[in-house]
PDB file of all heavy atoms in Angstrom:
ATOM      1  N   TYR A   1       7.241  20.107  13.449  1.00  0.00           N
ATOM      2  CA  TYR A   1       6.853  19.071  14.419  1.00  0.00           C
ATOM      3  C   TYR A   1       8.034  18.663  15.286  1.00  0.00           C
ATOM      4  O   TYR A   1       9.181  18.677  14.812  1.00  0.00           O
ATOM      5  CB  TYR A   1       6.393  17.814  13.598  1.00  0.00           C
ATOM      6  CG  TYR A   1       5.069  17.989  12.854  1.00  0.00           C
ATOM      7  CD1 TYR A   1       5.152  18.619  11.564  1.00  0.00           C
ATOM      8  CD2 TYR A   1       3.864  17.609  13.296  1.00  0.00           C
ATOM      9  CE1 TYR A   1       4.002  18.769  10.809  1.00  0.00           C
ATOM     10  CE2 TYR A   1       2.697  17.762  12.561  1.00  0.00           C
ATOM     11  CZ  TYR A   1       2.821  18.348  11.303  1.00  0.00           C
ATOM     12  OH  TYR A   1       1.693  18.577  10.585  1.00  0.00           O
ATOM     13  N   GLY A   2       7.793  18.252  16.467  1.00  0.00           N
ATOM     14  CA  GLY A   2       8.871  17.809  17.353  1.00  0.00           C
ATOM     15  C   GLY A   2       9.924  18.883  17.500  1.00  0.00           C
ATOM     16  O   GLY A   2       9.626  20.012  17.801  1.00  0.00           O
ATOM     17  N   ASP A   3      11.180  18.491  17.222  1.00  0.00           N
ATOM     18  CA  ASP A   3      12.302  19.344  17.365  1.00  0.00           C
ATOM     19  C   ASP A   3      12.723  19.986  16.061  1.00  0.00           C
ATOM     20  O   ASP A   3      13.687  20.752  16.019  1.00  0.00           O
ATOM     21  CB  ASP A   3      13.486  18.682  18.007  1.00  0.00           C
ATOM     22  CG  ASP A   3      13.276  18.254  19.462  1.00  0.00           C
ATOM     23  OD1 ASP A   3      12.467  18.970  20.100  1.00  0.00           O
ATOM     24  OD2 ASP A   3      13.787  17.219  19.878  1.00  0.00           O
ATOM     25  N   SER A   4      12.044  19.767  14.951  1.00  0.00           N
ATOM     26  CA  SER A   4      12.342  20.371  13.701  1.00  0.00           C
ATOM     27  C   SER A   4      11.540  21.660  13.539  1.00  0.00           C
ATOM     28  O   SER A   4      10.324  21.689  13.866  1.00  0.00           O
ATOM     29  CB  SER A   4      12.003  19.470  12.511  1.00  0.00           C
ATOM     30  OG  SER A   4      12.823  18.317  12.534  1.00  0.00           O
ATOM     31  N   ALA A   5      12.186  22.733  13.047  1.00  0.00           N
ATOM     32  CA  ALA A   5      11.520  24.022  12.998  1.00  0.00           C
ATOM     33  C   ALA A   5      12.210  24.941  11.927  1.00  0.00           C
ATOM     34  O   ALA A   5      13.319  24.711  11.583  1.00  0.00           O
ATOM     35  CB  ALA A   5      11.486  24.688  14.295  1.00  0.00           C
ATOM     36  N   LEU A   6      11.499  25.985  11.568  1.00  0.00           N
ATOM     37  CA  LEU A   6      12.112  27.024  10.783  1.00  0.00           C
ATOM     38  C   LEU A   6      13.176  27.666  11.622  1.00  0.00           C
ATOM     39  O   LEU A   6      13.112  27.699  12.830  1.00  0.00           O
ATOM     40  CB  LEU A   6      11.084  28.120  10.404  1.00  0.00           C
ATOM     41  CG  LEU A   6      10.055  27.800   9.354  1.00  0.00           C
ATOM     42  CD1 LEU A   6       9.061  28.910   9.232  1.00  0.00           C
ATOM     43  CD2 LEU A   6      10.739  27.479   8.026  1.00  0.00           C
ATOM     44  N   LYS A   7      14.252  28.149  10.982  1.00  0.00           N
ATOM     45  CA  LYS A   7      15.293  28.890  11.710  1.00  0.00           C
ATOM     46  C   LYS A   7      14.722  30.167  12.267  1.00  0.00           C
ATOM     47  O   LYS A   7      13.815  30.785  11.641  1.00  0.00           O
ATOM     48  CB  LYS A   7      16.432  29.166  10.744  1.00  0.00           C
ATOM     49  CG  LYS A   7      17.216  27.908  10.390  1.00  0.00           C
ATOM     50  CD  LYS A   7      18.390  28.274   9.560  1.00  0.00           C
ATOM     51  CE  LYS A   7      19.136  26.973   9.185  1.00  0.00           C
ATOM     52  NZ  LYS A   7      20.292  27.215   8.310  1.00  0.00           N
ATOM     53  N   PRO A   8      15.179  30.604  13.381  1.00  0.00           N
ATOM     54  CA  PRO A   8      14.617  31.809  14.041  1.00  0.00           C
ATOM     55  C   PRO A   8      14.692  33.078  13.108  1.00  0.00           C
ATOM     56  O   PRO A   8      13.790  33.946  13.254  1.00  0.00           O
ATOM     57  CB  PRO A   8      15.478  32.018  15.272  1.00  0.00           C
ATOM     58  CG  PRO A   8      16.053  30.714  15.544  1.00  0.00           C
ATOM     59  CD  PRO A   8      16.213  30.044  14.237  1.00  0.00           C
ATOM     60  N   ASP A   9      15.638  33.139  12.270  1.00  0.00           N
ATOM     61  CA  ASP A   9      15.801  34.321  11.428  1.00  0.00           C
ATOM     62  C   ASP A   9      15.024  34.315  10.096  1.00  0.00           C
ATOM     63  O   ASP A   9      15.070  35.166   9.300  1.00  0.00           O
ATOM     64  CB  ASP A   9      17.249  34.625  11.117  1.00  0.00           C
ATOM     65  CG  ASP A   9      17.901  33.529  10.393  1.00  0.00           C
ATOM     66  OD1 ASP A   9      17.384  32.425  10.360  1.00  0.00           O
ATOM     67  OD2 ASP A   9      18.996  33.803   9.776  1.00  0.00           O
ATOM     68  N   VAL A  10      14.195  33.234   9.914  1.00  0.00           N
ATOM     69  CA  VAL A  10      13.395  33.037   8.714  1.00  0.00           C
ATOM     70  C   VAL A  10      12.012  33.531   8.990  1.00  0.00           C
ATOM     71  O   VAL A  10      11.319  33.026   9.845  1.00  0.00           O
ATOM     72  CB  VAL A  10      13.376  31.595   8.235  1.00  0.00           C
ATOM     73  CG1 VAL A  10      12.530  31.400   7.035  1.00  0.00           C
ATOM     74  CG2 VAL A  10      14.822  31.128   7.938  1.00  0.00           C
ATOM     75  N   ALA A  11      11.551  34.533   8.225  1.00  0.00           N
ATOM     76  CA  ALA A  11      10.210  35.097   8.382  1.00  0.00           C
ATOM     77  C   ALA A  11       9.199  34.185   7.577  1.00  0.00           C
ATOM     78  O   ALA A  11       9.497  33.832   6.441  1.00  0.00           O
ATOM     79  CB  ALA A  11      10.128  36.503   7.894  1.00  0.00           C
ATOM     80  N   GLU A  12       8.122  33.914   8.199  1.00  0.00           N
ATOM     81  CA  GLU A  12       7.046  33.129   7.522  1.00  0.00           C
ATOM     82  C   GLU A  12       6.496  33.995   6.332  1.00  0.00           C
ATOM     83  O   GLU A  12       6.382  35.171   6.457  1.00  0.00           O
ATOM     84  CB  GLU A  12       5.900  32.810   8.461  1.00  0.00           C
ATOM     85  CG  GLU A  12       4.761  31.998   7.856  1.00  0.00           C
ATOM     86  CD  GLU A  12       5.256  30.636   7.365  1.00  0.00           C
ATOM     87  OE1 GLU A  12       5.437  29.744   8.159  1.00  0.00           O
ATOM     88  OE2 GLU A  12       5.382  30.458   6.148  1.00  0.00           O
ATOM     89  N   LEU A  13       6.281  33.331   5.214  1.00  0.00           N
ATOM     90  CA  LEU A  13       5.726  33.998   4.033  1.00  0.00           C
ATOM     91  C   LEU A  13       4.184  34.043   4.157  1.00  0.00           C
ATOM     92  O   LEU A  13       3.586  33.214   4.738  1.00  0.00           O
ATOM     93  CB  LEU A  13       6.156  33.266   2.798  1.00  0.00           C
ATOM     94  CG  LEU A  13       7.666  33.133   2.551  1.00  0.00           C
ATOM     95  CD1 LEU A  13       7.960  32.250   1.361  1.00  0.00           C
ATOM     96  CD2 LEU A  13       8.273  34.532   2.434  1.00  0.00           C
ATOM     97  N   PRO A  14       3.601  35.034   3.511  1.00  0.00           N
ATOM     98  CA  PRO A  14       2.136  35.232   3.573  1.00  0.00           C
ATOM     99  C   PRO A  14       1.377  33.956   3.108  1.00  0.00           C
ATOM    100  O   PRO A  14       0.243  33.723   3.546  1.00  0.00           O
ATOM    101  CB  PRO A  14       1.852  36.418   2.669  1.00  0.00           C
ATOM    102  CG  PRO A  14       3.125  37.163   2.595  1.00  0.00           C
ATOM    103  CD  PRO A  14       4.229  36.188   2.755  1.00  0.00           C
ATOM    104  N   ASP A  15       1.952  33.253   2.094  1.00  0.00           N
ATOM    105  CA  ASP A  15       1.280  32.057   1.580  1.00  0.00           C
ATOM    106  C   ASP A  15       1.559  30.788   2.357  1.00  0.00           C
ATOM    107  O   ASP A  15       1.110  29.734   1.984  1.00  0.00           O
ATOM    108  CB  ASP A  15       1.614  31.862   0.130  1.00  0.00           C
ATOM    109  CG  ASP A  15       3.101  31.521  -0.113  1.00  0.00           C
ATOM    110  OD1 ASP A  15       3.857  31.556   0.854  1.00  0.00           O
ATOM    111  OD2 ASP A  15       3.472  31.313  -1.253  1.00  0.00           O
ATOM    112  N   HIS A  16       2.358  30.946   3.441  1.00  0.00           N
ATOM    113  CA  HIS A  16       2.700  29.771   4.325  1.00  0.00           C
ATOM    114  C   HIS A  16       3.460  28.716   3.545  1.00  0.00           C
ATOM    115  O   HIS A  16       3.515  27.505   3.968  1.00  0.00           O
ATOM    116  CB  HIS A  16       1.478  29.172   5.043  1.00  0.00           C
ATOM    117  CG  HIS A  16       0.706  30.239   5.791  1.00  0.00           C
ATOM    118  ND1 HIS A  16       1.183  30.745   6.942  1.00  0.00           N
ATOM    119  CD2 HIS A  16      -0.467  30.780   5.552  1.00  0.00           C
ATOM    120  CE1 HIS A  16       0.312  31.633   7.421  1.00  0.00           C
ATOM    121  NE2 HIS A  16      -0.652  31.696   6.576  1.00  0.00           N
ATOM    122  N   SER A  17       4.086  28.991   2.435  1.00  0.00           N
ATOM    123  CA  SER A  17       4.756  28.051   1.651  1.00  0.00           C
ATOM    124  C   SER A  17       5.975  27.366   2.345  1.00  0.00           C
ATOM    125  O   SER A  17       6.429  26.302   1.945  1.00  0.00           O
ATOM    126  CB  SER A  17       5.232  28.660   0.331  1.00  0.00           C
ATOM    127  OG  SER A  17       6.117  29.686   0.512  1.00  0.00           O
ATOM    128  N   LEU A  18       6.457  28.015   3.359  1.00  0.00           N
ATOM    129  CA  LEU A  18       7.628  27.435   4.131  1.00  0.00           C
ATOM    130  C   LEU A  18       7.161  26.221   4.941  1.00  0.00           C
ATOM    131  O   LEU A  18       8.001  25.472   5.431  1.00  0.00           O
ATOM    132  CB  LEU A  18       8.264  28.451   4.980  1.00  0.00           C
ATOM    133  CG  LEU A  18       9.025  29.555   4.273  1.00  0.00           C
ATOM    134  CD1 LEU A  18       9.558  30.612   5.272  1.00  0.00           C
ATOM    135  CD2 LEU A  18      10.107  29.017   3.395  1.00  0.00           C
ATOM    136  N   HIS A  19       5.854  26.023   5.065  1.00  0.00           N
ATOM    137  CA  HIS A  19       5.344  24.835   5.747  1.00  0.00           C
ATOM    138  C   HIS A  19       4.574  23.933   4.748  1.00  0.00           C
ATOM    139  O   HIS A  19       3.797  23.081   5.143  1.00  0.00           O
ATOM    140  CB  HIS A  19       4.435  25.189   6.898  1.00  0.00           C
ATOM    141  CG  HIS A  19       5.164  25.662   8.103  1.00  0.00           C
ATOM    142  ND1 HIS A  19       5.516  26.937   8.352  1.00  0.00           N
ATOM    143  CD2 HIS A  19       5.741  24.887   9.099  1.00  0.00           C
ATOM    144  CE1 HIS A  19       6.250  26.995   9.440  1.00  0.00           C
ATOM    145  NE2 HIS A  19       6.406  25.806   9.915  1.00  0.00           N
ATOM    146  N   SER A  20       4.785  24.118   3.460  1.00  0.00           N
ATOM    147  CA  SER A  20       4.179  23.303   2.490  1.00  0.00           C
ATOM    148  C   SER A  20       4.707  21.920   2.414  1.00  0.00           C
ATOM    149  O   SER A  20       5.832  21.679   2.920  1.00  0.00           O
ATOM    150  CB  SER A  20       4.276  23.941   1.063  1.00  0.00           C
ATOM    151  OG  SER A  20       5.636  23.886   0.661  1.00  0.00           O
ATOM    152  N   LYS A  21       3.964  21.008   1.847  1.00  0.00           N
ATOM    153  CA  LYS A  21       4.500  19.616   1.679  1.00  0.00           C
ATOM    154  C   LYS A  21       5.715  19.631   0.775  1.00  0.00           C
ATOM    155  O   LYS A  21       6.629  18.819   0.982  1.00  0.00           O
ATOM    156  CB  LYS A  21       3.402  18.718   1.230  1.00  0.00           C
ATOM    157  CG  LYS A  21       2.345  18.509   2.329  1.00  0.00           C
ATOM    158  CD  LYS A  21       1.125  17.868   1.846  1.00  0.00           C
ATOM    159  CE  LYS A  21       0.050  17.901   2.897  1.00  0.00           C
ATOM    160  NZ  LYS A  21      -0.498  19.240   3.082  1.00  0.00           N
ATOM    161  N   ARG A  22       5.744  20.503  -0.230  1.00  0.00           N
ATOM    162  CA  ARG A  22       6.921  20.609  -1.063  1.00  0.00           C
ATOM    163  C   ARG A  22       8.162  21.010  -0.238  1.00  0.00           C
ATOM    164  O   ARG A  22       9.203  20.452  -0.442  1.00  0.00           O
ATOM    165  CB  ARG A  22       6.675  21.694  -2.130  1.00  0.00           C
ATOM    166  CG  ARG A  22       7.742  21.826  -3.129  1.00  0.00           C
ATOM    167  CD  ARG A  22       7.486  22.958  -4.151  1.00  0.00           C
ATOM    168  NE  ARG A  22       6.169  22.783  -4.766  1.00  0.00           N
ATOM    169  CZ  ARG A  22       5.920  22.151  -5.932  1.00  0.00           C
ATOM    170  NH1 ARG A  22       6.901  21.666  -6.597  1.00  0.00           N
ATOM    171  NH2 ARG A  22       4.718  22.085  -6.427  1.00  0.00           N
ATOM    172  N   ALA A  23       7.996  21.976   0.652  1.00  0.00           N
ATOM    173  CA  ALA A  23       9.192  22.412   1.476  1.00  0.00           C
ATOM    174  C   ALA A  23       9.559  21.275   2.411  1.00  0.00           C
ATOM    175  O   ALA A  23      10.761  21.041   2.670  1.00  0.00           O
ATOM    176  CB  ALA A  23       8.781  23.660   2.306  1.00  0.00           C
ATOM    177  N   MET A  24       8.592  20.554   3.013  1.00  0.00           N
ATOM    178  CA  MET A  24       8.932  19.408   3.878  1.00  0.00           C
ATOM    179  C   MET A  24       9.633  18.332   3.090  1.00  0.00           C
ATOM    180  O   MET A  24      10.558  17.703   3.642  1.00  0.00           O
ATOM    181  CB  MET A  24       7.672  18.904   4.555  1.00  0.00           C
ATOM    182  CG  MET A  24       7.040  19.836   5.537  1.00  0.00           C
ATOM    183  SD  MET A  24       5.604  19.126   6.240  1.00  0.00           S
ATOM    184  CE  MET A  24       4.936  20.439   7.249  1.00  0.00           C
ATOM    185  N   ALA A  25       9.196  18.055   1.884  1.00  0.00           N
ATOM    186  CA  ALA A  25       9.821  17.048   1.038  1.00  0.00           C
ATOM    187  C   ALA A  25      11.290  17.443   0.764  1.00  0.00           C
ATOM    188  O   ALA A  25      12.176  16.563   0.807  1.00  0.00           O
ATOM    189  CB  ALA A  25       9.094  16.861  -0.274  1.00  0.00           C
ATOM    190  N   LYS A  26      11.541  18.697   0.498  1.00  0.00           N
ATOM    191  CA  LYS A  26      12.920  19.187   0.253  1.00  0.00           C
ATOM    192  C   LYS A  26      13.739  18.961   1.539  1.00  0.00           C
ATOM    193  O   LYS A  26      14.927  18.556   1.409  1.00  0.00           O
ATOM    194  CB  LYS A  26      12.881  20.611  -0.147  1.00  0.00           C
ATOM    195  CG  LYS A  26      14.275  21.286  -0.387  1.00  0.00           C
ATOM    196  CD  LYS A  26      14.899  20.717  -1.626  1.00  0.00           C
ATOM    197  CE  LYS A  26      16.149  21.546  -1.983  1.00  0.00           C
ATOM    198  NZ  LYS A  26      17.382  21.115  -1.320  1.00  0.00           N
ATOM    199  N   ASP A  27      13.168  19.219   2.692  1.00  0.00           N
ATOM    200  CA  ASP A  27      13.833  18.971   3.962  1.00  0.00           C
ATOM    201  C   ASP A  27      14.300  17.516   4.054  1.00  0.00           C
ATOM    202  O   ASP A  27      15.468  17.203   4.427  1.00  0.00           O
ATOM    203  CB  ASP A  27      12.974  19.338   5.149  1.00  0.00           C
ATOM    204  CG  ASP A  27      12.739  20.812   5.322  1.00  0.00           C
ATOM    205  OD1 ASP A  27      13.412  21.633   4.709  1.00  0.00           O
ATOM    206  OD2 ASP A  27      11.844  21.136   6.180  1.00  0.00           O
ATOM    207  N   VAL A  28      13.402  16.640   3.766  1.00  0.00           N
ATOM    208  CA  VAL A  28      13.689  15.204   3.846  1.00  0.00           C
ATOM    209  C   VAL A  28      14.831  14.828   2.888  1.00  0.00           C
ATOM    210  O   VAL A  28      15.835  14.177   3.234  1.00  0.00           O
ATOM    211  CB  VAL A  28      12.424  14.313   3.562  1.00  0.00           C
ATOM    212  CG1 VAL A  28      12.843  12.856   3.497  1.00  0.00           C
ATOM    213  CG2 VAL A  28      11.388  14.526   4.612  1.00  0.00           C
ATOM    214  N   LEU A  29      14.761  15.360   1.673  1.00  0.00           N
ATOM    215  CA  LEU A  29      15.778  15.115   0.695  1.00  0.00           C
ATOM    216  C   LEU A  29      17.166  15.673   1.189  1.00  0.00           C
ATOM    217  O   LEU A  29      18.175  15.012   1.075  1.00  0.00           O
ATOM    218  CB  LEU A  29      15.411  15.704  -0.663  1.00  0.00           C
ATOM    219  CG  LEU A  29      16.333  15.372  -1.844  1.00  0.00           C
ATOM    220  CD1 LEU A  29      16.338  13.833  -2.057  1.00  0.00           C
ATOM    221  CD2 LEU A  29      15.757  16.033  -3.056  1.00  0.00           C
ATOM    222  N   ASP A  30      17.120  16.823   1.831  1.00  0.00           N
ATOM    223  CA  ASP A  30      18.351  17.439   2.358  1.00  0.00           C
ATOM    224  C   ASP A  30      18.924  16.542   3.495  1.00  0.00           C
ATOM    225  O   ASP A  30      20.170  16.429   3.575  1.00  0.00           O
ATOM    226  CB  ASP A  30      18.103  18.834   2.865  1.00  0.00           C
ATOM    227  CG  ASP A  30      17.889  19.892   1.724  1.00  0.00           C
ATOM    228  OD1 ASP A  30      18.265  19.535   0.510  1.00  0.00           O
ATOM    229  OD2 ASP A  30      17.410  20.934   1.999  1.00  0.00           O
ATOM    230  N   VAL A  31      18.049  16.006   4.324  1.00  0.00           N
ATOM    231  CA  VAL A  31      18.497  15.182   5.439  1.00  0.00           C
ATOM    232  C   VAL A  31      19.205  13.979   4.919  1.00  0.00           C
ATOM    233  O   VAL A  31      20.272  13.606   5.342  1.00  0.00           O
ATOM    234  CB  VAL A  31      17.326  14.827   6.424  1.00  0.00           C
ATOM    235  CG1 VAL A  31      17.727  13.689   7.317  1.00  0.00           C
ATOM    236  CG2 VAL A  31      16.897  16.085   7.196  1.00  0.00           C
ATOM    237  N   VAL A  32      18.528  13.240   4.025  1.00  0.00           N
ATOM    238  CA  VAL A  32      19.139  12.012   3.495  1.00  0.00           C
ATOM    239  C   VAL A  32      20.462  12.301   2.714  1.00  0.00           C
ATOM    240  O   VAL A  32      21.396  11.533   2.785  1.00  0.00           O
ATOM    241  CB  VAL A  32      18.207  11.149   2.667  1.00  0.00           C
ATOM    242  CG1 VAL A  32      17.056  10.622   3.541  1.00  0.00           C
ATOM    243  CG2 VAL A  32      17.629  11.830   1.492  1.00  0.00           C
TER     244      VAL A  32
END
């Protein structure tokens, strides 16, 4: 969303887990 995104060199996984709520939650934890 907005200006946050996967890095260009990261390939999307078949199960789309890189856009899961678990992955987004980890991002938030990493930011704080």
